[in-house]
Amino acid sequence: MNKKEILKLAKGFRGRAKNCIRIARERVEKALQYSYRDRRNKKRDMRSLWIQRINAGTRQHGVISLFLYFSISLSILF
């Protein structure tokens, strides 16, 4: 990445990280690492939230969530 691209990505950073190329390069590289990691963590969090919501809904209606998963998988297959 050239200087212009790095400074464009570093826009909004605090201090010299937004205009000093050497520091900006390090901060942008670390920010890209965080964004890569957190895209996967976001999927993990959404999956656990989805499971919690399904369990709460099944408990509310007196259905065991395992039976719900089984019936959903059958409805998809047939």
PDB file of N, CA and C in Angstrom:
ATOM      1  N   MET A   1       0.840  -1.173   0.000  1.00  0.00           N
ATOM      2  CA  MET A   1       0.000   0.000   0.000  1.00  0.00           C
ATOM      3  C   MET A   1       0.891   1.244   0.000  1.00  0.00           C
ATOM      4  N   ASN A   2       0.493   2.194  -0.792  1.00  0.00           N
ATOM      5  CA  ASN A   2       1.295   3.406  -0.840  1.00  0.00           C
ATOM      6  C   ASN A   2       0.845   4.402   0.229  1.00  0.00           C
ATOM      7  N   LYS A   3       1.578   5.505   0.298  1.00  0.00           N
ATOM      8  CA  LYS A   3       1.364   6.489   1.353  1.00  0.00           C
ATOM      9  C   LYS A   3      -0.053   7.059   1.344  1.00  0.00           C
ATOM     10  N   LYS A   4      -0.555   7.335   0.159  1.00  0.00           N
ATOM     11  CA  LYS A   4      -1.888   7.941   0.045  1.00  0.00           C
ATOM     12  C   LYS A   4      -2.975   6.999   0.564  1.00  0.00           C
ATOM     13  N   GLU A   5      -2.869   5.715   0.222  1.00  0.00           N
ATOM     14  CA  GLU A   5      -3.858   4.733   0.679  1.00  0.00           C
ATOM     15  C   GLU A   5      -3.822   4.559   2.195  1.00  0.00           C
ATOM     16  N   ILE A   6      -2.607   4.532   2.756  1.00  0.00           N
ATOM     17  CA  ILE A   6      -2.466   4.358   4.201  1.00  0.00           C
ATOM     18  C   ILE A   6      -3.056   5.549   4.939  1.00  0.00           C
ATOM     19  N   LEU A   7      -2.747   6.765   4.489  1.00  0.00           N
ATOM     20  CA  LEU A   7      -3.273   7.944   5.162  1.00  0.00           C
ATOM     21  C   LEU A   7      -4.793   8.050   4.994  1.00  0.00           C
ATOM     22  N   LYS A   8      -5.309   7.546   3.883  1.00  0.00           N
ATOM     23  CA  LYS A   8      -6.761   7.536   3.703  1.00  0.00           C
ATOM     24  C   LYS A   8      -7.417   6.588   4.705  1.00  0.00           C
ATOM     25  N   LEU A   9      -6.800   5.407   4.922  1.00  0.00           N
ATOM     26  CA  LEU A   9      -7.328   4.452   5.890  1.00  0.00           C
ATOM     27  C   LEU A   9      -7.152   4.947   7.329  1.00  0.00           C
ATOM     28  N   ALA A  10      -6.119   5.786   7.559  1.00  0.00           N
ATOM     29  CA  ALA A  10      -5.831   6.275   8.905  1.00  0.00           C
ATOM     30  C   ALA A  10      -6.664   7.504   9.256  1.00  0.00           C
ATOM     31  N   LYS A  11      -7.535   7.924   8.369  1.00  0.00           N
ATOM     32  CA  LYS A  11      -8.373   9.096   8.634  1.00  0.00           C
ATOM     33  C   LYS A  11      -9.268   8.812   9.836  1.00  0.00           C
ATOM     34  N   GLY A  12      -9.287   9.721  10.792  1.00  0.00           N
ATOM     35  CA  GLY A  12     -10.082   9.549  11.997  1.00  0.00           C
ATOM     36  C   GLY A  12      -9.284   9.024  13.173  1.00  0.00           C
ATOM     37  N   PHE A  13      -8.045   8.597  12.951  1.00  0.00           N
ATOM     38  CA  PHE A  13      -7.207   8.149  14.058  1.00  0.00           C
ATOM     39  C   PHE A  13      -6.748   9.357  14.861  1.00  0.00           C
ATOM     40  N   ARG A  14      -6.326   9.128  16.105  1.00  0.00           N
ATOM     41  CA  ARG A  14      -5.918  10.217  16.974  1.00  0.00           C
ATOM     42  C   ARG A  14      -4.418  10.455  16.912  1.00  0.00           C
ATOM     43  N   GLY A  15      -4.022  11.696  17.133  1.00  0.00           N
ATOM     44  CA  GLY A  15      -2.614  12.060  17.236  1.00  0.00           C
ATOM     45  C   GLY A  15      -1.871  11.921  15.918  1.00  0.00           C
ATOM     46  N   ARG A  16      -0.596  11.525  16.036  1.00  0.00           N
ATOM     47  CA  ARG A  16       0.234  11.410  14.837  1.00  0.00           C
ATOM     48  C   ARG A  16      -0.116  10.200  13.992  1.00  0.00           C
ATOM     49  N   ALA A  17      -0.975   9.322  14.508  1.00  0.00           N
ATOM     50  CA  ALA A  17      -1.355   8.117  13.766  1.00  0.00           C
ATOM     51  C   ALA A  17      -2.129   8.465  12.510  1.00  0.00           C
ATOM     52  N   LYS A  18      -2.642   9.693  12.404  1.00  0.00           N
ATOM     53  CA  LYS A  18      -3.407  10.058  11.213  1.00  0.00           C
ATOM     54  C   LYS A  18      -2.579  10.757  10.146  1.00  0.00           C
ATOM     55  N   ASN A  19      -1.377  11.283  10.502  1.00  0.00           N
ATOM     56  CA  ASN A  19      -0.627  12.033   9.500  1.00  0.00           C
ATOM     57  C   ASN A  19       0.860  11.693   9.412  1.00  0.00           C
ATOM     58  N   CYS A  20       1.384  10.940  10.335  1.00  0.00           N
ATOM     59  CA  CYS A  20       2.775  10.498  10.275  1.00  0.00           C
ATOM     60  C   CYS A  20       2.775   9.100   9.666  1.00  0.00           C
ATOM     61  N   ILE A  21       3.386   8.948   8.508  1.00  0.00           N
ATOM     62  CA  ILE A  21       3.241   7.728   7.708  1.00  0.00           C
ATOM     63  C   ILE A  21       3.721   6.487   8.450  1.00  0.00           C
ATOM     64  N   ARG A  22       4.822   6.624   9.198  1.00  0.00           N
ATOM     65  CA  ARG A  22       5.370   5.455   9.880  1.00  0.00           C
ATOM     66  C   ARG A  22       4.413   4.947  10.958  1.00  0.00           C
ATOM     67  N   ILE A  23       3.890   5.840  11.752  1.00  0.00           N
ATOM     68  CA  ILE A  23       2.955   5.450  12.808  1.00  0.00           C
ATOM     69  C   ILE A  23       1.625   5.034  12.193  1.00  0.00           C
ATOM     70  N   ALA A  24       1.202   5.761  11.170  1.00  0.00           N
ATOM     71  CA  ALA A  24      -0.078   5.441  10.517  1.00  0.00           C
ATOM     72  C   ALA A  24      -0.046   4.046   9.916  1.00  0.00           C
ATOM     73  N   ARG A  25       1.080   3.657   9.338  1.00  0.00           N
ATOM     74  CA  ARG A  25       1.196   2.322   8.742  1.00  0.00           C
ATOM     75  C   ARG A  25       1.001   1.243   9.807  1.00  0.00           C
ATOM     76  N   GLU A  26       1.637   1.430  10.970  1.00  0.00           N
ATOM     77  CA  GLU A  26       1.495   0.448  12.049  1.00  0.00           C
ATOM     78  C   GLU A  26       0.061   0.376  12.557  1.00  0.00           C
ATOM     79  N   ARG A  27      -0.551   1.552  12.749  1.00  0.00           N
ATOM     80  CA  ARG A  27      -1.916   1.594  13.274  1.00  0.00           C
ATOM     81  C   ARG A  27      -2.922   1.007  12.279  1.00  0.00           C
ATOM     82  N   VAL A  28      -2.737   1.306  11.003  1.00  0.00           N
ATOM     83  CA  VAL A  28      -3.645   0.779   9.980  1.00  0.00           C
ATOM     84  C   VAL A  28      -3.502  -0.730   9.890  1.00  0.00           C
ATOM     85  N   GLU A  29      -2.267  -1.223   9.946  1.00  0.00           N
ATOM     86  CA  GLU A  29      -2.047  -2.668   9.892  1.00  0.00           C
ATOM     87  C   GLU A  29      -2.730  -3.362  11.075  1.00  0.00           C
ATOM     88  N   LYS A  30      -2.595  -2.790  12.277  1.00  0.00           N
ATOM     89  CA  LYS A  30      -3.226  -3.374  13.457  1.00  0.00           C
ATOM     90  C   LYS A  30      -4.746  -3.280  13.355  1.00  0.00           C
ATOM     91  N   ALA A  31      -5.250  -2.161  12.832  1.00  0.00           N
ATOM     92  CA  ALA A  31      -6.697  -1.994  12.679  1.00  0.00           C
ATOM     93  C   ALA A  31      -7.260  -3.029  11.708  1.00  0.00           C
ATOM     94  N   LEU A  32      -6.529  -3.328  10.639  1.00  0.00           N
ATOM     95  CA  LEU A  32      -6.982  -4.342   9.685  1.00  0.00           C
ATOM     96  C   LEU A  32      -6.979  -5.736  10.316  1.00  0.00           C
ATOM     97  N   GLN A  33      -6.003  -5.987  11.201  1.00  0.00           N
ATOM     98  CA  GLN A  33      -5.986  -7.267  11.921  1.00  0.00           C
ATOM     99  C   GLN A  33      -7.199  -7.390  12.838  1.00  0.00           C
ATOM    100  N   TYR A  34      -7.505  -6.289  13.539  1.00  0.00           N
ATOM    101  CA  TYR A  34      -8.674  -6.295  14.422  1.00  0.00           C
ATOM    102  C   TYR A  34      -9.957  -6.500  13.625  1.00  0.00           C
ATOM    103  N   SER A  35     -10.071  -5.841  12.485  1.00  0.00           N
ATOM    104  CA  SER A  35     -11.299  -5.961  11.707  1.00  0.00           C
ATOM    105  C   SER A  35     -11.467  -7.379  11.165  1.00  0.00           C
ATOM    106  N   TYR A  36     -10.369  -8.027  10.766  1.00  0.00           N
ATOM    107  CA  TYR A  36     -10.421  -9.409  10.285  1.00  0.00           C
ATOM    108  C   TYR A  36     -10.899 -10.324  11.414  1.00  0.00           C
ATOM    109  N   ARG A  37     -10.302 -10.150  12.605  1.00  0.00           N
ATOM    110  CA  ARG A  37     -10.664 -10.984  13.755  1.00  0.00           C
ATOM    111  C   ARG A  37     -12.119 -10.755  14.156  1.00  0.00           C
ATOM    112  N   ASP A  38     -12.522  -9.494  14.200  1.00  0.00           N
ATOM    113  CA  ASP A  38     -13.848  -9.175  14.724  1.00  0.00           C
ATOM    114  C   ASP A  38     -14.970  -9.506  13.753  1.00  0.00           C
ATOM    115  N   ARG A  39     -14.685  -9.630  12.475  1.00  0.00           N
ATOM    116  CA  ARG A  39     -15.721 -10.110  11.549  1.00  0.00           C
ATOM    117  C   ARG A  39     -16.110 -11.539  11.901  1.00  0.00           C
ATOM    118  N   ARG A  40     -15.140 -12.342  12.299  1.00  0.00           N
ATOM    119  CA  ARG A  40     -15.434 -13.713  12.702  1.00  0.00           C
ATOM    120  C   ARG A  40     -16.114 -13.746  14.075  1.00  0.00           C
ATOM    121  N   ASN A  41     -15.663 -12.887  14.989  1.00  0.00           N
ATOM    122  CA  ASN A  41     -16.290 -12.834  16.310  1.00  0.00           C
ATOM    123  C   ASN A  41     -17.732 -12.370  16.221  1.00  0.00           C
ATOM    124  N   LYS A  42     -18.023 -11.499  15.269  1.00  0.00           N
ATOM    125  CA  LYS A  42     -19.392 -11.023  15.092  1.00  0.00           C
ATOM    126  C   LYS A  42     -20.305 -12.179  14.697  1.00  0.00           C
ATOM    127  N   LYS A  43     -19.848 -13.040  13.802  1.00  0.00           N
ATOM    128  CA  LYS A  43     -20.628 -14.213  13.396  1.00  0.00           C
ATOM    129  C   LYS A  43     -20.855 -15.134  14.592  1.00  0.00           C
ATOM    130  N   ARG A  44     -19.822 -15.314  15.411  1.00  0.00           N
ATOM    131  CA  ARG A  44     -19.927 -16.159  16.590  1.00  0.00           C
ATOM    132  C   ARG A  44     -20.948 -15.590  17.574  1.00  0.00           C
ATOM    133  N   ASP A  45     -20.876 -14.279  17.799  1.00  0.00           N
ATOM    134  CA  ASP A  45     -21.810 -13.637  18.731  1.00  0.00           C
ATOM    135  C   ASP A  45     -23.246 -13.717  18.225  1.00  0.00           C
ATOM    136  N   MET A  46     -23.438 -13.514  16.931  1.00  0.00           N
ATOM    137  CA  MET A  46     -24.787 -13.561  16.381  1.00  0.00           C
ATOM    138  C   MET A  46     -25.355 -14.978  16.458  1.00  0.00           C
ATOM    139  N   ARG A  47     -24.512 -15.973  16.266  1.00  0.00           N
ATOM    140  CA  ARG A  47     -24.981 -17.355  16.373  1.00  0.00           C
ATOM    141  C   ARG A  47     -25.425 -17.661  17.803  1.00  0.00           C
ATOM    142  N   SER A  48     -24.644 -17.238  18.787  1.00  0.00           N
ATOM    143  CA  SER A  48     -25.025 -17.514  20.177  1.00  0.00           C
ATOM    144  C   SER A  48     -26.288 -16.748  20.563  1.00  0.00           C
ATOM    145  N   LEU A  49     -26.426 -15.521  20.063  1.00  0.00           N
ATOM    146  CA  LEU A  49     -27.635 -14.748  20.331  1.00  0.00           C
ATOM    147  C   LEU A  49     -28.855 -15.413  19.691  1.00  0.00           C
ATOM    148  N   TRP A  50     -28.686 -15.936  18.478  1.00  0.00           N
ATOM    149  CA  TRP A  50     -29.766 -16.623  17.761  1.00  0.00           C
ATOM    150  C   TRP A  50     -30.214 -17.858  18.546  1.00  0.00           C
ATOM    151  N   ILE A  51     -29.248 -18.619  19.059  1.00  0.00           N
ATOM    152  CA  ILE A  51     -29.556 -19.812  19.838  1.00  0.00           C
ATOM    153  C   ILE A  51     -30.290 -19.441  21.127  1.00  0.00           C
ATOM    154  N   GLN A  52     -29.848 -18.365  21.789  1.00  0.00           N
ATOM    155  CA  GLN A  52     -30.519 -17.925  23.020  1.00  0.00           C
ATOM    156  C   GLN A  52     -31.964 -17.525  22.738  1.00  0.00           C
ATOM    157  N   ARG A  53     -32.189 -16.823  21.645  1.00  0.00           N
ATOM    158  CA  ARG A  53     -33.541 -16.387  21.302  1.00  0.00           C
ATOM    159  C   ARG A  53     -34.447 -17.578  20.985  1.00  0.00           C
ATOM    160  N   ILE A  54     -33.920 -18.553  20.256  1.00  0.00           N
ATOM    161  CA  ILE A  54     -34.710 -19.747  19.935  1.00  0.00           C
ATOM    162  C   ILE A  54     -35.050 -20.507  21.213  1.00  0.00           C
ATOM    163  N   ASN A  55     -34.072 -20.656  22.103  1.00  0.00           N
ATOM    164  CA  ASN A  55     -34.317 -21.374  23.358  1.00  0.00           C
ATOM    165  C   ASN A  55     -35.350 -20.647  24.203  1.00  0.00           C
ATOM    166  N   ALA A  56     -35.281 -19.331  24.255  1.00  0.00           N
ATOM    167  CA  ALA A  56     -36.257 -18.562  25.041  1.00  0.00           C
ATOM    168  C   ALA A  56     -37.657 -18.720  24.455  1.00  0.00           C
ATOM    169  N   GLY A  57     -37.754 -18.676  23.136  1.00  0.00           N
ATOM    170  CA  GLY A  57     -39.058 -18.819  22.490  1.00  0.00           C
ATOM    171  C   GLY A  57     -39.648 -20.207  22.667  1.00  0.00           C
ATOM    172  N   THR A  58     -38.815 -21.227  22.582  1.00  0.00           N
ATOM    173  CA  THR A  58     -39.327 -22.594  22.752  1.00  0.00           C
ATOM    174  C   THR A  58     -39.744 -22.845  24.191  1.00  0.00           C
ATOM    175  N   ARG A  59     -38.966 -22.304  25.152  1.00  0.00           N
ATOM    176  CA  ARG A  59     -39.337 -22.444  26.554  1.00  0.00           C
ATOM    177  C   ARG A  59     -40.663 -21.761  26.851  1.00  0.00           C
ATOM    178  N   GLN A  60     -40.864 -20.625  26.199  1.00  0.00           N
ATOM    179  CA  GLN A  60     -42.088 -19.863  26.409  1.00  0.00           C
ATOM    180  C   GLN A  60     -43.316 -20.647  25.933  1.00  0.00           C
ATOM    181  N   HIS A  61     -43.139 -21.431  24.863  1.00  0.00           N
ATOM    182  CA  HIS A  61     -44.251 -22.203  24.306  1.00  0.00           C
ATOM    183  C   HIS A  61     -44.247 -23.665  24.740  1.00  0.00           C
ATOM    184  N   GLY A  62     -43.316 -24.023  25.613  1.00  0.00           N
ATOM    185  CA  GLY A  62     -43.290 -25.374  26.162  1.00  0.00           C
ATOM    186  C   GLY A  62     -42.780 -26.427  25.200  1.00  0.00           C
ATOM    187  N   VAL A  63     -41.962 -26.035  24.242  1.00  0.00           N
ATOM    188  CA  VAL A  63     -41.405 -26.981  23.271  1.00  0.00           C
ATOM    189  C   VAL A  63     -39.921 -27.157  23.585  1.00  0.00           C
ATOM    190  N   ILE A  64     -39.425 -28.361  23.446  1.00  0.00           N
ATOM    191  CA  ILE A  64     -37.994 -28.596  23.633  1.00  0.00           C
ATOM    192  C   ILE A  64     -37.287 -28.161  22.356  1.00  0.00           C
ATOM    193  N   SER A  65     -36.217 -27.384  22.527  1.00  0.00           N
ATOM    194  CA  SER A  65     -35.555 -26.803  21.362  1.00  0.00           C
ATOM    195  C   SER A  65     -34.959 -27.869  20.439  1.00  0.00           C
ATOM    196  N   LEU A  66     -34.566 -29.007  20.990  1.00  0.00           N
ATOM    197  CA  LEU A  66     -34.023 -30.083  20.162  1.00  0.00           C
ATOM    198  C   LEU A  66     -35.065 -30.577  19.163  1.00  0.00           C
ATOM    199  N   PHE A  67     -36.319 -30.694  19.623  1.00  0.00           N
ATOM    200  CA  PHE A  67     -37.397 -31.109  18.719  1.00  0.00           C
ATOM    201  C   PHE A  67     -37.630 -30.066  17.632  1.00  0.00           C
ATOM    202  N   LEU A  68     -37.497 -28.803  17.999  1.00  0.00           N
ATOM    203  CA  LEU A  68     -37.664 -27.728  17.020  1.00  0.00           C
ATOM    204  C   LEU A  68     -36.593 -27.827  15.933  1.00  0.00           C
ATOM    205  N   TYR A  69     -35.339 -28.011  16.342  1.00  0.00           N
ATOM    206  CA  TYR A  69     -34.249 -28.150  15.370  1.00  0.00           C
ATOM    207  C   TYR A  69     -34.482 -29.357  14.457  1.00  0.00           C
ATOM    208  N   PHE A  70     -34.941 -30.451  15.059  1.00  0.00           N
ATOM    209  CA  PHE A  70     -35.192 -31.659  14.290  1.00  0.00           C
ATOM    210  C   PHE A  70     -36.301 -31.436  13.262  1.00  0.00           C
ATOM    211  N   SER A  71     -37.390 -30.786  13.678  1.00  0.00           N
ATOM    212  CA  SER A  71     -38.502 -30.556  12.748  1.00  0.00           C
ATOM    213  C   SER A  71     -38.125 -29.558  11.654  1.00  0.00           C
ATOM    214  N   ILE A  72     -37.298 -28.582  11.995  1.00  0.00           N
ATOM    215  CA  ILE A  72     -36.834 -27.636  10.974  1.00  0.00           C
ATOM    216  C   ILE A  72     -35.977 -28.366   9.946  1.00  0.00           C
ATOM    217  N   SER A  73     -35.090 -29.241  10.417  1.00  0.00           N
ATOM    218  CA  SER A  73     -34.232 -29.966   9.471  1.00  0.00           C
ATOM    219  C   SER A  73     -35.053 -30.903   8.597  1.00  0.00           C
ATOM    220  N   LEU A  74     -36.107 -31.493   9.144  1.00  0.00           N
ATOM    221  CA  LEU A  74     -36.984 -32.349   8.329  1.00  0.00           C
ATOM    222  C   LEU A  74     -37.743 -31.537   7.292  1.00  0.00           C
ATOM    223  N   SER A  75     -38.199 -30.354   7.689  1.00  0.00           N
ATOM    224  CA  SER A  75     -38.954 -29.522   6.747  1.00  0.00           C
ATOM    225  C   SER A  75     -38.067 -29.028   5.613  1.00  0.00           C
ATOM    226  N   ILE A  76     -36.782 -28.835   5.884  1.00  0.00           N
ATOM    227  CA  ILE A  76     -35.862 -28.412   4.829  1.00  0.00           C
ATOM    228  C   ILE A  76     -35.604 -29.566   3.861  1.00  0.00           C
ATOM    229  N   LEU A  77     -35.495 -30.785   4.396  1.00  0.00           N
ATOM    230  CA  LEU A  77     -35.192 -31.947   3.552  1.00  0.00           C
ATOM    231  C   LEU A  77     -36.370 -32.338   2.691  1.00  0.00           C
ATOM    232  N   PHE A  78     -37.592 -32.235   3.197  1.00  0.00           N
ATOM    233  CA  PHE A  78     -38.742 -32.749   2.461  1.00  0.00           C
ATOM    234  C   PHE A  78     -39.636 -31.643   1.999  1.00  0.00           C
TER     235      PHE A  78
END
